[in-house]
Amino acid sequence: MPIALGAVALALFVPAAQASVPLTQISSDPFTNSSSQHFTEVEPGSFAYGSTIVAAVQQGRFTDGGGSGIGFATTTDAGTTWEHGSLPLTTFAGGPFFRASDPSVAYDAKADAWLIATAALGATDWSVVVDRSTDGGHTWGDPITVAPATSQTSFDKPWITCDNTPASPYYGNCYVQWDDVGASMEVEVSASTDSGLNWEAPQTPANVTHAIGGQPLVQPDGSVIVPITDDSYQLSSFRSTDGGESWSAETPISFAHTPPLAGGLRSGPFTSAGMNESGRIYVAWQDCRFRPHCGSGGANDIVYSSSADGVAWSPVRRIPIAPVKSSVDAFLPALAVDRSTDGSHTHLALTYYYYPQANCQYATCKLDVGFVSSVNGGATWSASRQLAGAMSLSWLAATTQGPMVGDYISTSFTSDGLAHGIFVVAKPKNAAGFHEALYTTAAGLQPAFQCIVPKVVGRTLAGAKTALTRHNCRTGTINRIYSRTVKNGHVIAQKPHAGAVLAPGTKVNLVVSRGPRP
């Protein structure tokens, strides 16, 4: 049955090591079973559509795989307020499964439905399931099986997406991709034509790919591109141009050059992908190829490649988070692309974890969260900005593969052009247990920290001032005039115009209505 738990706002938090970017905790582990670690949340996924963001996260992490449940956090006002709860998925939350893992989020615009895909452990093994919400992400229905477990299968790392372009011949289709560990990580994909209520028999790429961590994206013409990584760190992609009826063989993107992380922190070379308005796909991953001593204790950068068709990929480019010879080690990228931007004006936002000092040990490593962005398709990038940290590895949930914040995190753009990183922050443990929970910035971040002038015509003066501040602009002169057509206190005109990219703090002058002349 539909369920929403603990739908309340959580506290504002400013990490002690930095005070310039306030954070908001948006979820917490509600479970108390003695078999897993509390209070822990790891591995968030998110998706934004309009001013709504839905995030999902593992709660109560088991050391040997999965969590006690999957939590959700929803905002309908671009991150100003949040509500949160847990899906009716596991026995701890009224569902049929024992554990759950690997959440990802999608929105189906045709059906106005939100979907969260997860791997769920039952009596046999891990299944792929989807929970749906038809009320804007506030309550969630019982899990729907996409791929049931058998004694020969063990499904892992599902990722979901939907076709939201009305002109696409497959508008409203949704797709879930996963791998089967029981078949040496064979890649499978299933499609749904009714907003996730029913799912077709799984398909495989033409060359029966063995890989993990795919992230499907749907282009405006309905083509589905899936970037993915195999166990030898080869990054590739495959695609469907017929609504998921068939899938191509893999096309190479690049090889990921990445050493194990210091301190034993759990992290794989999974890709993070996004797409701009015309359908160009950007794929980012951690890689040390541009650094000295790559592969022998060297540090990672975040790098990326892009493609218009999922077949021909651009040369790998380095994101300049830190100087090439610095000690900064960057990893676990979460790349977002603003789908309302295109070409040389494509906006990119990247949230990531990093060590300021790569050469550290479990007891000495300090884990931070960073953010960089670009407003010109990656031609140039902003200076890096610390969002959270420093965290000790002993504050993180323990797993058989090392201390964990997640195999991935997430970043999403809302329709106001602001980026929202969704990530895990930990504080020191106390008598109650861990304090590892899901956070985001208290306000969305403007790409490149420039003043990108928002449209404020038609807003109230108070709303216009808030929007200008959030976009790194300032309110300039305010000229009040009488108007028979615009309500008192609403903006009639602005200068500079909406969309102008200017220096941070640029003043925007406003003409505000005084209402009709008496």
Protein backbone atom coordinates (compact mmCIF):
# COMPACT_ATOMS: atom_id res chain seq x y z
CA MET A 1 0.00 0.00 0.00
CA PRO A 2 1.16 3.61 -0.52
CA ILE A 3 3.37 4.90 2.25
CA ALA A 4 5.10 8.12 3.29
CA LEU A 5 7.06 8.19 6.53
CA GLY A 6 8.47 11.09 8.51
CA ALA A 7 7.46 13.80 6.07
CA VAL A 8 9.17 16.64 7.91
CA ALA A 9 11.95 19.10 7.22
CA LEU A 10 15.33 18.38 8.81
CA ALA A 11 17.92 20.73 10.18
CA LEU A 12 20.19 23.22 8.48
CA PHE A 13 23.82 22.31 8.99
CA VAL A 14 27.05 24.14 8.28
CA PRO A 15 30.04 21.76 8.46
CA ALA A 16 32.67 22.99 10.88
CA ALA A 17 35.49 22.92 8.35
CA GLN A 18 33.75 25.40 6.06
CA ALA A 19 31.08 28.00 6.66
CA SER A 20 30.41 29.42 3.21
CA VAL A 21 27.96 26.80 1.90
CA PRO A 22 25.13 25.93 4.32
CA LEU A 23 23.76 22.42 3.91
CA THR A 24 20.37 20.89 4.64
CA GLN A 25 19.92 17.33 5.88
CA ILE A 26 17.07 15.90 3.81
CA SER A 27 16.72 12.35 5.12
CA SER A 28 17.67 10.04 7.98
CA ASP A 29 17.83 6.30 8.68
CA PRO A 30 14.66 5.39 10.66
CA PHE A 31 15.39 1.69 11.16
CA THR A 32 16.54 -0.07 14.35
CA ASN A 33 17.15 -3.71 13.34
CA SER A 34 20.27 -5.07 15.00
CA SER A 35 21.59 -6.75 11.84
CA SER A 36 22.71 -3.54 10.05
CA GLN A 37 24.48 -0.27 10.84
CA HIS A 38 22.47 2.72 12.07
CA PHE A 39 22.21 5.68 11.59
CA THR A 40 23.64 5.32 8.09
CA GLU A 41 22.56 6.43 4.61
CA VAL A 42 24.67 5.75 1.52
CA GLU A 43 24.58 5.84 -2.29
CA PRO A 44 22.00 8.45 -3.33
CA GLY A 45 20.41 8.86 -6.74
CA SER A 46 18.22 11.80 -7.77
CA PHE A 47 16.28 13.28 -10.66
CA ALA A 48 14.76 16.74 -11.19
CA TYR A 49 11.87 17.83 -13.35
CA GLY A 50 10.70 21.43 -13.16
CA SER A 51 11.04 22.54 -9.54
CA THR A 52 10.65 19.00 -8.16
CA ILE A 53 13.60 16.87 -7.09
CA VAL A 54 13.22 13.30 -5.86
CA ALA A 55 16.23 11.66 -4.22
CA ALA A 56 16.57 8.04 -3.05
CA VAL A 57 19.16 6.48 -0.76
CA GLN A 58 20.09 3.25 1.05
CA GLN A 59 19.23 3.33 4.75
CA GLY A 60 20.75 1.14 7.48
CA ARG A 61 23.67 -0.31 5.51
CA PHE A 62 24.57 -3.99 5.97
CA THR A 63 28.31 -4.68 5.87
CA ASP A 64 27.89 -7.40 3.23
CA GLY A 65 25.46 -5.68 0.88
CA GLY A 66 22.35 -3.52 0.69
CA GLY A 67 20.40 -1.61 3.29
CA SER A 68 17.48 -2.12 5.64
CA GLY A 69 15.43 0.02 3.27
CA ILE A 70 15.39 2.73 0.63
CA GLY A 71 14.62 6.26 1.73
CA PHE A 72 13.21 9.03 -0.41
CA ALA A 73 13.38 12.81 -0.10
CA THR A 74 11.17 15.12 -2.17
CA THR A 75 11.09 18.86 -2.77
CA THR A 76 8.55 20.60 -4.99
CA ASP A 77 10.00 24.10 -4.54
CA ALA A 78 13.54 23.63 -5.89
CA GLY A 79 15.06 22.68 -2.56
CA THR A 80 13.53 25.26 -0.24
CA THR A 81 11.63 22.60 1.74
CA TRP A 82 11.88 18.81 1.79
CA GLU A 83 9.88 15.85 3.03
CA HIS A 84 11.23 12.34 3.47
CA GLY A 85 10.28 8.77 4.22
CA SER A 86 11.01 5.15 3.26
CA LEU A 87 9.65 3.06 0.40
CA PRO A 88 7.32 0.12 1.28
CA LEU A 89 9.99 -2.21 -0.02
CA THR A 90 11.61 -4.25 2.76
CA THR A 91 10.14 -6.12 5.73
CA PHE A 92 11.41 -3.31 7.96
CA ALA A 93 9.08 -0.89 6.11
CA GLY A 94 6.09 -3.15 5.49
CA GLY A 95 7.33 -4.67 2.23
CA PRO A 96 8.22 -8.19 1.07
CA PHE A 97 12.02 -7.96 0.65
CA PHE A 98 14.84 -8.45 3.14
CA ARG A 99 17.28 -5.82 1.87
CA ALA A 100 17.46 -3.17 -0.86
CA SER A 101 20.25 -1.41 -2.73
CA ASP A 102 21.28 0.75 -5.70
CA PRO A 103 18.39 3.25 -5.98
CA SER A 104 17.94 5.40 -9.07
CA VAL A 105 15.16 7.88 -9.89
CA ALA A 106 13.24 8.84 -13.04
CA TYR A 107 10.19 10.89 -13.98
CA ASP A 108 7.63 9.95 -16.63
CA ALA A 109 6.20 13.22 -17.94
CA LYS A 110 3.52 11.51 -20.05
CA ALA A 111 2.00 9.78 -17.02
CA ASP A 112 3.08 12.40 -14.46
CA ALA A 113 4.64 9.62 -12.38
CA TRP A 114 7.88 9.30 -10.44
CA LEU A 115 9.72 5.97 -10.39
CA ILE A 116 12.50 4.60 -8.17
CA ALA A 117 14.31 1.47 -9.36
CA THR A 118 16.22 -0.70 -6.88
CA ALA A 119 17.83 -4.09 -6.45
CA ALA A 120 15.85 -5.94 -3.76
CA LEU A 121 16.89 -9.13 -1.94
CA GLY A 122 14.19 -11.78 -1.50
CA ALA A 123 14.15 -15.43 -0.50
CA THR A 124 15.94 -16.48 -3.70
CA ASP A 125 18.33 -13.66 -4.62
CA TRP A 126 18.35 -10.05 -5.84
CA SER A 127 15.44 -8.87 -8.05
CA VAL A 128 15.01 -5.59 -9.93
CA VAL A 129 11.92 -3.68 -8.80
CA VAL A 130 10.30 -0.27 -9.28
CA ASP A 131 8.22 1.79 -6.85
CA ARG A 132 5.90 4.46 -8.35
CA SER A 133 4.45 7.73 -7.10
CA THR A 134 1.56 9.46 -8.84
CA ASP A 135 1.24 12.37 -6.43
CA GLY A 136 4.49 14.21 -7.06
CA GLY A 137 6.81 11.99 -5.02
CA HIS A 138 4.95 12.36 -1.72
CA THR A 139 3.69 8.76 -1.35
CA TRP A 140 4.82 5.55 -3.00
CA GLY A 141 3.11 2.33 -4.05
CA ASP A 142 4.16 -1.25 -3.53
CA PRO A 143 7.14 -2.56 -5.53
CA ILE A 144 6.56 -3.76 -9.10
CA THR A 145 8.90 -6.50 -10.32
CA VAL A 146 10.92 -5.73 -13.43
CA ALA A 147 13.13 -8.84 -13.31
CA PRO A 148 12.43 -11.55 -10.71
CA ALA A 149 15.28 -13.36 -9.02
CA THR A 150 15.94 -17.03 -9.70
CA SER A 151 18.42 -19.47 -8.22
CA GLN A 152 20.75 -18.76 -11.18
CA THR A 153 20.55 -14.94 -11.17
CA SER A 154 21.79 -12.12 -8.96
CA PHE A 155 20.86 -8.69 -10.29
CA ASP A 156 22.88 -5.57 -9.51
CA LYS A 157 23.07 -1.84 -10.22
CA PRO A 158 19.72 -1.08 -11.90
CA TRP A 159 19.31 2.38 -13.44
CA ILE A 160 16.07 3.85 -14.74
CA THR A 161 15.16 6.58 -17.23
CA CYS A 162 12.06 7.68 -19.17
CA ASP A 163 11.45 9.30 -22.56
CA ASN A 164 10.06 12.76 -21.78
CA THR A 165 10.11 14.33 -25.26
CA PRO A 166 6.54 14.65 -26.63
CA ALA A 167 7.79 14.56 -30.24
CA SER A 168 9.63 11.27 -29.71
CA PRO A 169 8.00 8.20 -31.27
CA TYR A 170 8.53 6.46 -27.93
CA TYR A 171 7.29 9.26 -25.66
CA GLY A 172 6.38 7.76 -22.28
CA ASN A 173 8.59 4.67 -22.59
CA CYS A 174 10.69 3.92 -19.53
CA TYR A 175 13.84 1.79 -19.46
CA VAL A 176 15.72 -0.05 -16.71
CA GLN A 177 19.23 -1.41 -17.26
CA TRP A 178 21.07 -3.72 -14.84
CA ASP A 179 23.69 -6.48 -14.77
CA ASP A 180 23.41 -10.09 -13.68
CA VAL A 181 26.29 -11.06 -11.38
CA GLY A 182 25.10 -14.67 -11.63
CA ALA A 183 25.90 -14.57 -15.37
CA SER A 184 29.32 -12.87 -15.11
CA MET A 185 27.79 -9.36 -15.13
CA GLU A 186 25.75 -9.87 -18.29
CA VAL A 187 23.99 -6.61 -19.14
CA GLU A 188 20.21 -6.61 -19.52
CA VAL A 189 17.62 -3.93 -20.32
CA SER A 190 13.84 -3.91 -20.02
CA ALA A 191 11.33 -1.40 -21.39
CA SER A 192 7.89 -0.36 -20.20
CA THR A 193 5.23 1.36 -22.31
CA ASP A 194 2.80 2.04 -19.45
CA SER A 195 4.85 4.07 -16.96
CA GLY A 196 6.42 1.12 -15.19
CA LEU A 197 3.27 -0.87 -14.44
CA ASN A 198 4.41 -3.69 -16.72
CA TRP A 199 7.85 -4.56 -18.10
CA GLU A 200 8.90 -6.39 -21.25
CA ALA A 201 11.21 -9.39 -21.33
CA PRO A 202 14.84 -8.31 -20.83
CA GLN A 203 17.03 -7.68 -23.87
CA THR A 204 20.84 -7.78 -24.12
CA PRO A 205 23.24 -5.77 -26.30
CA ALA A 206 24.07 -7.38 -29.62
CA ASN A 207 27.45 -8.59 -28.39
CA VAL A 208 26.15 -9.85 -24.97
CA THR A 209 28.00 -7.25 -22.95
CA HIS A 210 29.44 -8.04 -19.50
CA ALA A 211 29.68 -4.78 -17.54
CA ILE A 212 28.26 -2.79 -14.62
CA GLY A 213 27.01 0.67 -13.69
CA GLY A 214 25.19 1.66 -16.88
CA GLN A 215 23.26 4.92 -16.93
CA PRO A 216 20.71 5.07 -19.80
CA LEU A 217 19.73 8.43 -21.31
CA VAL A 218 16.98 9.11 -23.86
CA GLN A 219 17.72 11.58 -26.66
CA PRO A 220 15.03 13.87 -28.13
CA ASP A 221 14.51 11.52 -31.11
CA GLY A 222 13.85 8.56 -28.77
CA SER A 223 17.27 6.92 -29.10
CA VAL A 224 18.48 5.40 -25.82
CA ILE A 225 22.22 5.61 -25.09
CA VAL A 226 23.73 3.56 -22.24
CA PRO A 227 27.28 4.41 -21.08
CA ILE A 228 28.68 1.54 -18.99
CA THR A 229 31.94 0.11 -17.52
CA ASP A 230 33.25 -3.47 -17.64
CA ASP A 231 35.35 -5.21 -14.98
CA SER A 232 38.60 -4.29 -16.77
CA TYR A 233 37.64 -0.60 -16.55
CA GLN A 234 36.80 -0.29 -20.25
CA LEU A 235 34.14 2.39 -20.71
CA SER A 236 31.76 1.88 -23.62
CA SER A 237 28.20 2.57 -24.73
CA PHE A 238 25.41 0.81 -26.56
CA ARG A 239 22.10 2.09 -27.87
CA SER A 240 18.60 1.38 -29.09
CA THR A 241 16.83 3.31 -31.83
CA ASP A 242 13.59 1.32 -31.79
CA GLY A 243 12.16 1.90 -28.34
CA GLY A 244 14.14 -0.88 -26.66
CA GLU A 245 13.12 -3.67 -29.04
CA SER A 246 16.79 -4.25 -29.90
CA TRP A 247 20.18 -2.99 -28.75
CA SER A 248 23.45 -2.41 -30.58
CA ALA A 249 26.86 -3.83 -29.76
CA GLU A 250 29.17 -1.79 -27.55
CA THR A 251 31.14 1.20 -28.82
CA PRO A 252 34.35 2.03 -26.89
CA ILE A 253 34.55 5.38 -25.10
CA SER A 254 37.86 5.07 -23.27
CA PHE A 255 39.74 3.06 -20.68
CA ALA A 256 39.50 4.31 -17.07
CA HIS A 257 42.94 4.68 -15.51
CA THR A 258 42.32 4.73 -11.76
CA PRO A 259 44.23 3.26 -8.81
CA PRO A 260 42.54 2.03 -5.61
CA LEU A 261 41.68 4.90 -3.31
CA ALA A 262 43.76 5.64 -0.23
CA GLY A 263 42.43 4.42 3.09
CA GLY A 264 40.55 1.58 1.43
CA LEU A 265 37.54 3.81 0.64
CA ARG A 266 35.00 1.94 -1.48
CA SER A 267 34.83 3.37 -4.99
CA GLY A 268 34.53 1.92 -8.47
CA PRO A 269 35.19 3.65 -11.80
CA PHE A 270 31.48 4.09 -12.51
CA THR A 271 30.49 6.71 -15.02
CA SER A 272 28.14 9.62 -14.38
CA ALA A 273 26.25 10.95 -17.39
CA GLY A 274 23.95 13.77 -18.46
CA MET A 275 22.50 15.20 -21.66
CA ASN A 276 21.90 18.70 -23.06
CA GLU A 277 18.91 20.04 -25.00
CA SER A 278 19.90 18.67 -28.40
CA GLY A 279 20.82 15.26 -26.99
CA ARG A 280 24.59 15.53 -26.68
CA ILE A 281 25.69 13.18 -23.91
CA TYR A 282 28.47 13.95 -21.44
CA VAL A 283 30.08 11.10 -19.48
CA ALA A 284 32.42 11.72 -16.53
CA TRP A 285 34.59 9.35 -14.46
CA GLN A 286 37.61 9.35 -12.15
CA ASP A 287 40.94 8.91 -13.92
CA CYS A 288 44.64 9.51 -13.24
CA ARG A 289 45.96 9.65 -16.86
CA PHE A 290 46.86 13.34 -16.65
CA ARG A 291 48.62 13.02 -13.28
CA PRO A 292 52.20 12.04 -12.41
CA HIS A 293 52.65 8.47 -11.13
CA CYS A 294 49.30 7.32 -12.53
CA GLY A 295 48.51 3.80 -11.33
CA SER A 296 51.23 3.75 -8.65
CA GLY A 297 49.77 5.79 -5.85
CA GLY A 298 48.96 8.81 -8.02
CA ALA A 299 45.89 10.99 -7.61
CA ASN A 300 42.75 11.06 -9.75
CA ASP A 301 41.13 13.83 -11.71
CA ILE A 302 37.57 13.83 -12.99
CA VAL A 303 37.60 13.55 -16.78
CA TYR A 304 34.87 13.44 -19.40
CA SER A 305 34.00 12.63 -23.00
CA SER A 306 30.91 13.59 -25.00
CA SER A 307 28.97 12.28 -27.99
CA ALA A 308 26.05 13.36 -30.16
CA ASP A 309 25.03 9.82 -31.06
CA GLY A 310 26.59 7.40 -28.55
CA VAL A 311 28.87 6.05 -31.28
CA ALA A 312 31.57 8.67 -31.92
CA TRP A 313 33.05 9.99 -28.67
CA SER A 314 35.22 13.06 -28.18
CA PRO A 315 38.79 12.87 -26.84
CA VAL A 316 38.98 12.62 -23.06
CA ARG A 317 39.30 16.01 -21.35
CA ARG A 318 40.42 16.81 -17.84
CA ILE A 319 38.26 18.92 -15.50
CA PRO A 320 40.75 21.26 -13.78
CA ILE A 321 39.64 20.77 -10.19
CA ALA A 322 43.22 21.15 -8.95
CA PRO A 323 46.67 21.60 -10.54
CA VAL A 324 48.07 18.53 -12.27
CA LYS A 325 50.89 18.22 -9.75
CA SER A 326 48.73 18.86 -6.68
CA SER A 327 48.02 16.29 -3.95
CA VAL A 328 44.24 16.51 -4.46
CA ASP A 329 42.61 13.18 -5.32
CA ALA A 330 39.10 13.59 -6.85
CA PHE A 331 36.65 10.71 -7.28
CA LEU A 332 33.00 9.58 -7.20
CA PRO A 333 31.79 12.16 -9.76
CA ALA A 334 28.13 13.20 -10.06
CA LEU A 335 27.71 15.10 -13.32
CA ALA A 336 24.55 17.02 -14.21
CA VAL A 337 23.79 18.72 -17.52
CA ASP A 338 21.14 21.44 -17.75
CA ARG A 339 18.75 20.11 -20.41
CA SER A 340 17.53 23.62 -21.23
CA THR A 341 21.04 24.59 -22.45
CA ASP A 342 22.83 23.56 -25.61
CA GLY A 343 25.94 23.83 -27.77
CA SER A 344 28.67 26.12 -26.52
CA HIS A 345 26.28 27.41 -23.85
CA THR A 346 25.70 23.99 -22.26
CA HIS A 347 25.74 24.21 -18.45
CA LEU A 348 27.54 21.43 -16.57
CA ALA A 349 27.65 20.89 -12.80
CA LEU A 350 29.85 18.38 -11.02
CA THR A 351 29.67 17.28 -7.40
CA TYR A 352 32.43 14.93 -6.24
CA TYR A 353 34.35 13.64 -3.23
CA TYR A 354 38.05 14.29 -2.79
CA TYR A 355 41.04 13.91 -0.53
CA PRO A 356 43.09 17.12 -0.16
CA GLN A 357 46.04 14.80 0.41
CA ALA A 358 46.02 11.68 -1.78
CA ASN A 359 48.81 9.89 0.06
CA CYS A 360 46.94 9.14 3.29
CA GLN A 361 46.01 6.15 5.44
CA TYR A 362 42.70 4.99 6.91
CA ALA A 363 43.39 6.84 10.14
CA THR A 364 44.61 10.04 8.48
CA CYS A 365 42.52 10.45 5.30
CA LYS A 366 40.22 13.47 5.30
CA LEU A 367 37.24 13.20 2.97
CA ASP A 368 35.64 16.33 1.50
CA VAL A 369 32.83 17.13 -0.96
CA GLY A 370 33.53 19.57 -3.81
CA PHE A 371 31.71 21.31 -6.66
CA VAL A 372 32.77 22.80 -9.99
CA SER A 373 30.76 23.93 -13.00
CA SER A 374 30.91 25.23 -16.55
CA VAL A 375 28.61 27.48 -18.58
CA ASN A 376 30.27 26.85 -21.97
CA GLY A 377 30.07 23.11 -22.51
CA GLY A 378 33.27 22.39 -20.60
CA ALA A 379 35.51 24.85 -22.45
CA THR A 380 36.29 26.48 -19.10
CA TRP A 381 35.41 25.59 -15.52
CA SER A 382 34.81 27.50 -12.32
CA ALA A 383 37.17 27.32 -9.38
CA SER A 384 36.47 24.36 -7.13
CA ARG A 385 34.30 24.95 -4.11
CA GLN A 386 34.24 22.90 -0.91
CA LEU A 387 30.72 21.87 0.13
CA ALA A 388 31.42 19.59 3.10
CA GLY A 389 34.22 18.03 5.13
CA ALA A 390 36.60 17.12 6.42
CA MET A 391 35.28 13.65 7.34
CA SER A 392 37.22 10.75 8.82
CA LEU A 393 36.80 7.33 7.24
CA SER A 394 35.91 5.82 10.63
CA TRP A 395 32.68 7.88 10.54
CA LEU A 396 31.45 5.96 7.48
CA ALA A 397 29.46 2.74 7.22
CA ALA A 398 31.72 -0.30 7.00
CA THR A 399 31.39 -2.75 4.10
CA THR A 400 33.30 -5.78 2.89
CA GLN A 401 34.76 -3.51 0.18
CA GLY A 402 35.76 -0.67 2.50
CA PRO A 403 34.19 2.34 4.24
CA MET A 404 31.31 3.67 2.15
CA VAL A 405 29.56 6.86 1.13
CA GLY A 406 28.30 5.17 -2.04
CA ASP A 407 29.29 3.68 -5.36
CA TYR A 408 27.74 6.88 -6.76
CA ILE A 409 26.18 10.17 -5.69
CA SER A 410 24.01 12.59 -7.67
CA THR A 411 23.56 16.12 -9.02
CA SER A 412 20.37 17.49 -10.64
CA PHE A 413 19.39 20.78 -12.29
CA THR A 414 16.02 22.34 -11.50
CA SER A 415 14.18 24.50 -14.03
CA ASP A 416 15.56 27.71 -12.48
CA GLY A 417 19.01 26.73 -13.78
CA LEU A 418 20.45 25.92 -10.35
CA ALA A 419 22.35 22.72 -9.55
CA HIS A 420 21.60 20.57 -6.52
CA GLY A 421 24.23 18.10 -5.37
CA ILE A 422 22.80 15.17 -3.40
CA PHE A 423 25.50 13.55 -1.26
CA VAL A 424 26.32 11.85 2.02
CA VAL A 425 27.89 13.72 4.93
CA ALA A 426 29.15 12.05 8.10
CA LYS A 427 29.84 13.33 11.60
CA PRO A 428 31.68 11.52 14.41
CA LYS A 429 29.98 8.44 15.83
CA ASN A 430 28.45 8.63 19.28
CA ALA A 431 26.73 6.25 21.71
CA ALA A 432 23.68 6.04 19.43
CA GLY A 433 25.80 4.92 16.47
CA PHE A 434 26.75 6.57 13.19
CA HIS A 435 25.67 9.96 11.91
CA GLU A 436 25.94 9.42 8.17
CA ALA A 437 23.03 10.99 6.34
CA LEU A 438 21.80 12.55 3.11
CA TYR A 439 22.46 16.27 2.53
CA THR A 440 22.18 18.92 -0.14
CA THR A 441 23.10 22.59 -0.32
CA ALA A 442 20.52 24.82 1.40
CA ALA A 443 20.05 26.61 -1.94
CA GLY A 444 20.85 25.46 -5.46
CA LEU A 445 24.22 26.48 -6.86
CA GLN A 446 24.59 28.78 -9.85
CA PRO A 447 26.86 27.25 -12.50
CA ALA A 448 30.31 28.86 -12.66
CA PHE A 449 29.29 31.17 -9.80
CA GLN A 450 28.55 33.89 -12.31
CA CYS A 451 25.53 36.16 -12.34
CA ILE A 452 23.31 34.42 -14.88
CA VAL A 453 20.34 36.78 -14.88
CA PRO A 454 17.03 35.00 -14.18
CA LYS A 455 13.70 36.11 -15.61
CA VAL A 456 12.01 38.08 -12.84
CA VAL A 457 9.38 39.95 -14.86
CA GLY A 458 5.99 39.04 -13.41
CA ARG A 459 7.35 38.08 -10.00
CA THR A 460 6.73 39.94 -6.79
CA LEU A 461 9.56 42.21 -5.73
CA ALA A 462 10.41 39.89 -2.85
CA GLY A 463 10.45 36.90 -5.22
CA ALA A 464 12.62 38.79 -7.70
CA LYS A 465 15.15 39.68 -5.01
CA THR A 466 15.35 36.06 -3.87
CA ALA A 467 15.83 34.81 -7.44
CA LEU A 468 18.58 37.36 -8.13
CA THR A 469 20.45 36.38 -4.98
CA ARG A 470 20.26 32.68 -5.84
CA HIS A 471 21.70 33.40 -9.27
CA ASN A 472 24.69 35.34 -7.86
CA CYS A 473 23.21 38.70 -8.90
CA ARG A 474 22.21 41.71 -6.82
CA THR A 475 19.15 43.92 -6.86
CA GLY A 476 19.98 47.31 -8.40
CA THR A 477 17.79 50.39 -8.61
CA ILE A 478 14.05 49.92 -8.21
CA ASN A 479 11.85 52.28 -10.21
CA ARG A 480 8.17 52.21 -9.20
CA ILE A 481 5.57 53.29 -11.76
CA TYR A 482 1.80 53.10 -12.10
CA SER A 483 0.36 50.31 -14.21
CA ARG A 484 -3.17 49.31 -15.14
CA THR A 485 -2.13 45.82 -16.26
CA VAL A 486 0.47 44.66 -13.71
CA LYS A 487 -0.43 44.07 -10.06
CA ASN A 488 0.99 46.31 -7.37
CA GLY A 489 4.41 45.06 -6.20
CA HIS A 490 5.13 42.95 -9.30
CA VAL A 491 8.07 43.44 -11.67
CA ILE A 492 7.23 45.06 -15.02
CA ALA A 493 10.71 45.14 -16.56
CA GLN A 494 14.33 44.29 -15.81
CA LYS A 495 17.76 45.28 -17.09
CA PRO A 496 20.02 43.41 -17.94
CA HIS A 497 17.77 40.92 -19.72
CA ALA A 498 17.14 37.35 -18.58
CA GLY A 499 19.88 34.93 -19.61
CA ALA A 500 22.73 37.44 -19.60
CA VAL A 501 25.95 35.94 -18.18
CA LEU A 502 27.73 38.57 -16.11
CA ALA A 503 30.25 38.96 -13.32
CA PRO A 504 29.16 37.74 -9.88
CA GLY A 505 27.30 40.42 -7.95
CA THR A 506 26.16 42.36 -11.03
CA LYS A 507 23.18 44.59 -10.24
CA VAL A 508 19.90 44.05 -12.07
CA ASN A 509 17.66 47.12 -12.21
CA LEU A 510 13.92 46.64 -11.85
CA VAL A 511 10.76 48.47 -12.77
CA VAL A 512 8.01 47.59 -10.28
CA SER A 513 4.29 48.30 -10.52
CA ARG A 514 2.51 50.63 -8.08
CA GLY A 515 -0.81 49.43 -9.40
CA PRO A 516 -3.36 51.69 -11.18
CA ARG A 517 -3.02 55.42 -10.82
CA PRO A 518 -5.45 56.68 -8.14
